[in-house]
Amino acid sequence: MERALVSRDPEIMSGALCFSGTRVLVQSLFDYLEGSSTLEDFLDDFPSVSRESAVAVLEQAREHIFADATPP
């Protein structure tokens, strides 16, 4: 069984979406990338998040965006 990439628990970070098994907000990854930081910067600052988890979350976000996109 595949482990969930993200989780929500009202007892952890007020129920904000976090990387599973951590207290790291998924929003933090997007905030880093939106600014001038790299994925490496994010991983260095949040060592409890694996590279595989961060990349998988980005891939899922991309798939969701493209699935909802209408062709020109």
PDB file of N, CA and C in Angstrom:
ATOM      1  N   MET A   1       0.841  -1.183   0.000  1.00  0.00           N
ATOM      2  CA  MET A   1       0.000   0.000   0.000  1.00  0.00           C
ATOM      3  C   MET A   1       0.884   1.244   0.000  1.00  0.00           C
ATOM      4  N   GLU A   2       0.569   2.189  -0.858  1.00  0.00           N
ATOM      5  CA  GLU A   2       1.352   3.411  -0.986  1.00  0.00           C
ATOM      6  C   GLU A   2       1.012   4.391   0.133  1.00  0.00           C
ATOM      7  N   ARG A   3       2.032   4.967   0.724  1.00  0.00           N
ATOM      8  CA  ARG A   3       1.847   5.930   1.807  1.00  0.00           C
ATOM      9  C   ARG A   3       1.373   7.266   1.231  1.00  0.00           C
ATOM     10  N   ALA A   4       0.457   7.890   1.929  1.00  0.00           N
ATOM     11  CA  ALA A   4      -0.042   9.202   1.492  1.00  0.00           C
ATOM     12  C   ALA A   4       1.085  10.228   1.567  1.00  0.00           C
ATOM     13  N   LEU A   5       1.126  11.095   0.579  1.00  0.00           N
ATOM     14  CA  LEU A   5       2.157  12.133   0.540  1.00  0.00           C
ATOM     15  C   LEU A   5       1.880  13.251   1.526  1.00  0.00           C
ATOM     16  N   VAL A   6       0.604  13.577   1.688  1.00  0.00           N
ATOM     17  CA  VAL A   6       0.216  14.691   2.547  1.00  0.00           C
ATOM     18  C   VAL A   6      -0.889  14.246   3.488  1.00  0.00           C
ATOM     19  N   SER A   7      -1.041  15.003   4.569  1.00  0.00           N
ATOM     20  CA  SER A   7      -2.091  14.691   5.537  1.00  0.00           C
ATOM     21  C   SER A   7      -2.585  15.973   6.189  1.00  0.00           C
ATOM     22  N   ARG A   8      -3.752  15.841   6.785  1.00  0.00           N
ATOM     23  CA  ARG A   8      -4.375  16.950   7.513  1.00  0.00           C
ATOM     24  C   ARG A   8      -4.853  16.401   8.844  1.00  0.00           C
ATOM     25  N   ASP A   9      -4.480  17.080   9.920  1.00  0.00           N
ATOM     26  CA  ASP A   9      -4.882  16.667  11.256  1.00  0.00           C
ATOM     27  C   ASP A   9      -5.123  17.938  12.065  1.00  0.00           C
ATOM     28  N   PRO A  10      -6.325  18.088  12.620  1.00  0.00           N
ATOM     29  CA  PRO A  10      -6.608  19.314  13.375  1.00  0.00           C
ATOM     30  C   PRO A  10      -5.662  19.525  14.557  1.00  0.00           C
ATOM     31  N   GLU A  11      -5.012  18.460  15.004  1.00  0.00           N
ATOM     32  CA  GLU A  11      -4.079  18.552  16.131  1.00  0.00           C
ATOM     33  C   GLU A  11      -2.666  18.945  15.690  1.00  0.00           C
ATOM     34  N   ILE A  12      -2.422  18.937  14.391  1.00  0.00           N
ATOM     35  CA  ILE A  12      -1.090  19.259  13.871  1.00  0.00           C
ATOM     36  C   ILE A  12      -1.205  20.479  12.966  1.00  0.00           C
ATOM     37  N   MET A  13      -0.496  21.529  13.306  1.00  0.00           N
ATOM     38  CA  MET A  13      -0.459  22.770  12.525  1.00  0.00           C
ATOM     39  C   MET A  13      -1.868  23.273  12.193  1.00  0.00           C
ATOM     40  N   SER A  14      -2.761  23.163  13.156  1.00  0.00           N
ATOM     41  CA  SER A  14      -4.143  23.645  13.042  1.00  0.00           C
ATOM     42  C   SER A  14      -4.891  23.064  11.845  1.00  0.00           C
ATOM     43  N   GLY A  15      -4.505  21.869  11.438  1.00  0.00           N
ATOM     44  CA  GLY A  15      -5.201  21.205  10.342  1.00  0.00           C
ATOM     45  C   GLY A  15      -4.736  21.594   8.953  1.00  0.00           C
ATOM     46  N   ALA A  16      -3.657  22.363   8.880  1.00  0.00           N
ATOM     47  CA  ALA A  16      -3.126  22.741   7.562  1.00  0.00           C
ATOM     48  C   ALA A  16      -2.533  21.509   6.887  1.00  0.00           C
ATOM     49  N   LEU A  17      -2.494  21.506   5.581  1.00  0.00           N
ATOM     50  CA  LEU A  17      -1.962  20.396   4.802  1.00  0.00           C
ATOM     51  C   LEU A  17      -0.450  20.305   5.016  1.00  0.00           C
ATOM     52  N   CYS A  18      -0.011  19.141   5.499  1.00  0.00           N
ATOM     53  CA  CYS A  18       1.407  18.919   5.798  1.00  0.00           C
ATOM     54  C   CYS A  18       1.914  17.696   5.043  1.00  0.00           C
ATOM     55  N   PHE A  19       3.211  17.636   4.872  1.00  0.00           N
ATOM     56  CA  PHE A  19       3.820  16.407   4.376  1.00  0.00           C
ATOM     57  C   PHE A  19       3.584  15.338   5.431  1.00  0.00           C
ATOM     58  N   SER A  20       3.139  14.167   5.006  1.00  0.00           N
ATOM     59  CA  SER A  20       2.820  13.095   5.950  1.00  0.00           C
ATOM     60  C   SER A  20       4.001  12.784   6.859  1.00  0.00           C
ATOM     61  N   GLY A  21       3.678  12.607   8.131  1.00  0.00           N
ATOM     62  CA  GLY A  21       4.689  12.263   9.118  1.00  0.00           C
ATOM     63  C   GLY A  21       5.539  13.425   9.578  1.00  0.00           C
ATOM     64  N   THR A  22       5.181  14.647   9.149  1.00  0.00           N
ATOM     65  CA  THR A  22       5.954  15.832   9.535  1.00  0.00           C
ATOM     66  C   THR A  22       5.007  16.935   9.992  1.00  0.00           C
ATOM     67  N   ARG A  23       5.597  18.024  10.409  1.00  0.00           N
ATOM     68  CA  ARG A  23       4.839  19.242  10.715  1.00  0.00           C
ATOM     69  C   ARG A  23       5.167  20.321   9.682  1.00  0.00           C
ATOM     70  N   VAL A  24       5.656  19.899   8.538  1.00  0.00           N
ATOM     71  CA  VAL A  24       6.064  20.823   7.474  1.00  0.00           C
ATOM     72  C   VAL A  24       4.870  21.068   6.551  1.00  0.00           C
ATOM     73  N   LEU A  25       4.504  22.327   6.423  1.00  0.00           N
ATOM     74  CA  LEU A  25       3.381  22.698   5.576  1.00  0.00           C
ATOM     75  C   LEU A  25       3.729  22.506   4.099  1.00  0.00           C
ATOM     76  N   VAL A  26       2.803  21.933   3.350  1.00  0.00           N
ATOM     77  CA  VAL A  26       2.982  21.814   1.909  1.00  0.00           C
ATOM     78  C   VAL A  26       3.106  23.210   1.304  1.00  0.00           C
ATOM     79  N   GLN A  27       2.368  24.157   1.847  1.00  0.00           N
ATOM     80  CA  GLN A  27       2.432  25.538   1.365  1.00  0.00           C
ATOM     81  C   GLN A  27       3.860  26.084   1.413  1.00  0.00           C
ATOM     82  N   SER A  28       4.642  25.632   2.389  1.00  0.00           N
ATOM     83  CA  SER A  28       6.027  26.105   2.497  1.00  0.00           C
ATOM     84  C   SER A  28       6.834  25.760   1.257  1.00  0.00           C
ATOM     85  N   LEU A  29       6.604  24.581   0.701  1.00  0.00           N
ATOM     86  CA  LEU A  29       7.316  24.198  -0.524  1.00  0.00           C
ATOM     87  C   LEU A  29       6.993  25.177  -1.647  1.00  0.00           C
ATOM     88  N   PHE A  30       5.716  25.463  -1.832  1.00  0.00           N
ATOM     89  CA  PHE A  30       5.324  26.382  -2.895  1.00  0.00           C
ATOM     90  C   PHE A  30       5.810  27.806  -2.620  1.00  0.00           C
ATOM     91  N   ASP A  31       5.811  28.213  -1.355  1.00  0.00           N
ATOM     92  CA  ASP A  31       6.329  29.536  -0.997  1.00  0.00           C
ATOM     93  C   ASP A  31       7.816  29.648  -1.338  1.00  0.00           C
ATOM     94  N   TYR A  32       8.578  28.610  -1.029  1.00  0.00           N
ATOM     95  CA  TYR A  32      10.011  28.620  -1.347  1.00  0.00           C
ATOM     96  C   TYR A  32      10.219  28.767  -2.842  1.00  0.00           C
ATOM     97  N   LEU A  33       9.505  27.953  -3.609  1.00  0.00           N
ATOM     98  CA  LEU A  33       9.696  27.960  -5.053  1.00  0.00           C
ATOM     99  C   LEU A  33       9.177  29.226  -5.703  1.00  0.00           C
ATOM    100  N   GLU A  34       8.156  29.814  -5.115  1.00  0.00           N
ATOM    101  CA  GLU A  34       7.608  31.064  -5.632  1.00  0.00           C
ATOM    102  C   GLU A  34       8.601  32.207  -5.428  1.00  0.00           C
ATOM    103  N   GLY A  35       9.337  32.129  -4.347  1.00  0.00           N
ATOM    104  CA  GLY A  35      10.360  33.141  -4.083  1.00  0.00           C
ATOM    105  C   GLY A  35      11.619  32.808  -4.857  1.00  0.00           C
ATOM    106  N   SER A  36      12.732  33.166  -4.311  1.00  0.00           N
ATOM    107  CA  SER A  36      14.001  32.948  -5.019  1.00  0.00           C
ATOM    108  C   SER A  36      14.712  31.684  -4.559  1.00  0.00           C
ATOM    109  N   SER A  37      14.031  30.841  -3.796  1.00  0.00           N
ATOM    110  CA  SER A  37      14.651  29.627  -3.267  1.00  0.00           C
ATOM    111  C   SER A  37      14.475  28.457  -4.224  1.00  0.00           C
ATOM    112  N   THR A  38      15.345  27.489  -4.073  1.00  0.00           N
ATOM    113  CA  THR A  38      15.307  26.287  -4.908  1.00  0.00           C
ATOM    114  C   THR A  38      14.747  25.118  -4.094  1.00  0.00           C
ATOM    115  N   LEU A  39      14.506  24.030  -4.786  1.00  0.00           N
ATOM    116  CA  LEU A  39      14.084  22.803  -4.098  1.00  0.00           C
ATOM    117  C   LEU A  39      15.160  22.385  -3.103  1.00  0.00           C
ATOM    118  N   GLU A  40      16.406  22.546  -3.480  1.00  0.00           N
ATOM    119  CA  GLU A  40      17.515  22.209  -2.576  1.00  0.00           C
ATOM    120  C   GLU A  40      17.455  23.038  -1.294  1.00  0.00           C
ATOM    121  N   ASP A  41      17.153  24.325  -1.424  1.00  0.00           N
ATOM    122  CA  ASP A  41      17.031  25.191  -0.254  1.00  0.00           C
ATOM    123  C   ASP A  41      15.936  24.663   0.675  1.00  0.00           C
ATOM    124  N   PHE A  42      14.793  24.320   0.080  1.00  0.00           N
ATOM    125  CA  PHE A  42      13.675  23.793   0.867  1.00  0.00           C
ATOM    126  C   PHE A  42      14.091  22.519   1.593  1.00  0.00           C
ATOM    127  N   LEU A  43      14.702  21.590   0.881  1.00  0.00           N
ATOM    128  CA  LEU A  43      15.103  20.315   1.481  1.00  0.00           C
ATOM    129  C   LEU A  43      16.154  20.509   2.572  1.00  0.00           C
ATOM    130  N   ASP A  44      17.046  21.468   2.372  1.00  0.00           N
ATOM    131  CA  ASP A  44      18.048  21.756   3.398  1.00  0.00           C
ATOM    132  C   ASP A  44      17.396  22.312   4.663  1.00  0.00           C
ATOM    133  N   ASP A  45      16.389  23.159   4.491  1.00  0.00           N
ATOM    134  CA  ASP A  45      15.724  23.779   5.636  1.00  0.00           C
ATOM    135  C   ASP A  45      14.703  22.870   6.311  1.00  0.00           C
ATOM    136  N   PHE A  46      14.214  21.862   5.588  1.00  0.00           N
ATOM    137  CA  PHE A  46      13.215  20.933   6.134  1.00  0.00           C
ATOM    138  C   PHE A  46      13.669  19.497   5.900  1.00  0.00           C
ATOM    139  N   PRO A  47      14.674  19.058   6.644  1.00  0.00           N
ATOM    140  CA  PRO A  47      15.243  17.728   6.408  1.00  0.00           C
ATOM    141  C   PRO A  47      14.286  16.566   6.683  1.00  0.00           C
ATOM    142  N   SER A  48      13.166  16.822   7.336  1.00  0.00           N
ATOM    143  CA  SER A  48      12.205  15.742   7.570  1.00  0.00           C
ATOM    144  C   SER A  48      11.384  15.421   6.319  1.00  0.00           C
ATOM    145  N   VAL A  49      11.500  16.247   5.284  1.00  0.00           N
ATOM    146  CA  VAL A  49      10.811  16.003   4.018  1.00  0.00           C
ATOM    147  C   VAL A  49      11.821  15.403   3.047  1.00  0.00           C
ATOM    148  N   SER A  50      11.476  14.255   2.484  1.00  0.00           N
ATOM    149  CA  SER A  50      12.384  13.623   1.526  1.00  0.00           C
ATOM    150  C   SER A  50      12.247  14.283   0.160  1.00  0.00           C
ATOM    151  N   ARG A  51      13.302  14.181  -0.616  1.00  0.00           N
ATOM    152  CA  ARG A  51      13.274  14.688  -1.988  1.00  0.00           C
ATOM    153  C   ARG A  51      12.134  14.018  -2.754  1.00  0.00           C
ATOM    154  N   GLU A  52      11.985  12.703  -2.562  1.00  0.00           N
ATOM    155  CA  GLU A  52      10.948  11.963  -3.269  1.00  0.00           C
ATOM    156  C   GLU A  52       9.554  12.503  -2.953  1.00  0.00           C
ATOM    157  N   SER A  53       9.303  12.832  -1.683  1.00  0.00           N
ATOM    158  CA  SER A  53       7.996  13.369  -1.294  1.00  0.00           C
ATOM    159  C   SER A  53       7.758  14.739  -1.902  1.00  0.00           C
ATOM    160  N   ALA A  54       8.763  15.590  -1.861  1.00  0.00           N
ATOM    161  CA  ALA A  54       8.619  16.947  -2.405  1.00  0.00           C
ATOM    162  C   ALA A  54       8.369  16.892  -3.905  1.00  0.00           C
ATOM    163  N   VAL A  55       9.126  16.088  -4.616  1.00  0.00           N
ATOM    164  CA  VAL A  55       8.952  15.977  -6.066  1.00  0.00           C
ATOM    165  C   VAL A  55       7.593  15.370  -6.392  1.00  0.00           C
ATOM    166  N   ALA A  56       7.171  14.373  -5.632  1.00  0.00           N
ATOM    167  CA  ALA A  56       5.874  13.742  -5.877  1.00  0.00           C
ATOM    168  C   ALA A  56       4.725  14.733  -5.675  1.00  0.00           C
ATOM    169  N   VAL A  57       4.820  15.581  -4.669  1.00  0.00           N
ATOM    170  CA  VAL A  57       3.791  16.597  -4.441  1.00  0.00           C
ATOM    171  C   VAL A  57       3.761  17.582  -5.620  1.00  0.00           C
ATOM    172  N   LEU A  58       4.917  17.991  -6.096  1.00  0.00           N
ATOM    173  CA  LEU A  58       4.965  18.890  -7.249  1.00  0.00           C
ATOM    174  C   LEU A  58       4.388  18.223  -8.493  1.00  0.00           C
ATOM    175  N   GLU A  59       4.688  16.949  -8.681  1.00  0.00           N
ATOM    176  CA  GLU A  59       4.153  16.222  -9.832  1.00  0.00           C
ATOM    177  C   GLU A  59       2.640  16.097  -9.751  1.00  0.00           C
ATOM    178  N   GLN A  60       2.122  15.826  -8.548  1.00  0.00           N
ATOM    179  CA  GLN A  60       0.667  15.739  -8.394  1.00  0.00           C
ATOM    180  C   GLN A  60       0.001  17.077  -8.667  1.00  0.00           C
ATOM    181  N   ALA A  61       0.623  18.149  -8.221  1.00  0.00           N
ATOM    182  CA  ALA A  61       0.074  19.486  -8.484  1.00  0.00           C
ATOM    183  C   ALA A  61       0.062  19.758  -9.980  1.00  0.00           C
ATOM    184  N   ARG A  62       1.130  19.419 -10.663  1.00  0.00           N
ATOM    185  CA  ARG A  62       1.202  19.618 -12.115  1.00  0.00           C
ATOM    186  C   ARG A  62       0.122  18.800 -12.819  1.00  0.00           C
ATOM    187  N   GLU A  63      -0.025  17.536 -12.436  1.00  0.00           N
ATOM    188  CA  GLU A  63      -1.050  16.675 -13.047  1.00  0.00           C
ATOM    189  C   GLU A  63      -2.447  17.258 -12.837  1.00  0.00           C
ATOM    190  N   HIS A  64      -2.688  17.770 -11.653  1.00  0.00           N
ATOM    191  CA  HIS A  64      -4.009  18.349 -11.350  1.00  0.00           C
ATOM    192  C   HIS A  64      -4.267  19.570 -12.221  1.00  0.00           C
ATOM    193  N   ILE A  65      -3.265  20.413 -12.382  1.00  0.00           N
ATOM    194  CA  ILE A  65      -3.414  21.630 -13.188  1.00  0.00           C
ATOM    195  C   ILE A  65      -3.692  21.262 -14.643  1.00  0.00           C
ATOM    196  N   PHE A  66      -2.919  20.347 -15.187  1.00  0.00           N
ATOM    197  CA  PHE A  66      -3.082  19.973 -16.592  1.00  0.00           C
ATOM    198  C   PHE A  66      -4.358  19.184 -16.829  1.00  0.00           C
ATOM    199  N   ALA A  67      -4.808  18.423 -15.851  1.00  0.00           N
ATOM    200  CA  ALA A  67      -6.052  17.673 -16.000  1.00  0.00           C
ATOM    201  C   ALA A  67      -7.241  18.613 -16.107  1.00  0.00           C
ATOM    202  N   ASP A  68      -7.163  19.761 -15.435  1.00  0.00           N
ATOM    203  CA  ASP A  68      -8.247  20.733 -15.442  1.00  0.00           C
ATOM    204  C   ASP A  68      -8.157  21.726 -16.597  1.00  0.00           C
ATOM    205  N   ALA A  69      -7.045  21.713 -17.311  1.00  0.00           N
ATOM    206  CA  ALA A  69      -6.841  22.677 -18.390  1.00  0.00           C
ATOM    207  C   ALA A  69      -7.659  22.273 -19.621  1.00  0.00           C
ATOM    208  N   THR A  70      -8.225  23.244 -20.261  1.00  0.00           N
ATOM    209  CA  THR A  70      -8.954  22.975 -21.499  1.00  0.00           C
ATOM    210  C   THR A  70      -8.047  23.265 -22.684  1.00  0.00           C
ATOM    211  N   PRO A  71      -8.137  22.441 -23.716  1.00  0.00           N
ATOM    212  CA  PRO A  71      -7.285  22.697 -24.889  1.00  0.00           C
ATOM    213  C   PRO A  71      -7.671  24.009 -25.574  1.00  0.00           C
ATOM    214  N   PRO A  72      -6.693  24.644 -26.223  1.00  0.00           N
ATOM    215  CA  PRO A  72      -6.976  25.936 -26.888  1.00  0.00           C
ATOM    216  C   PRO A  72      -7.947  25.785 -28.039  1.00  0.00           C
TER     217      PRO A  72
END
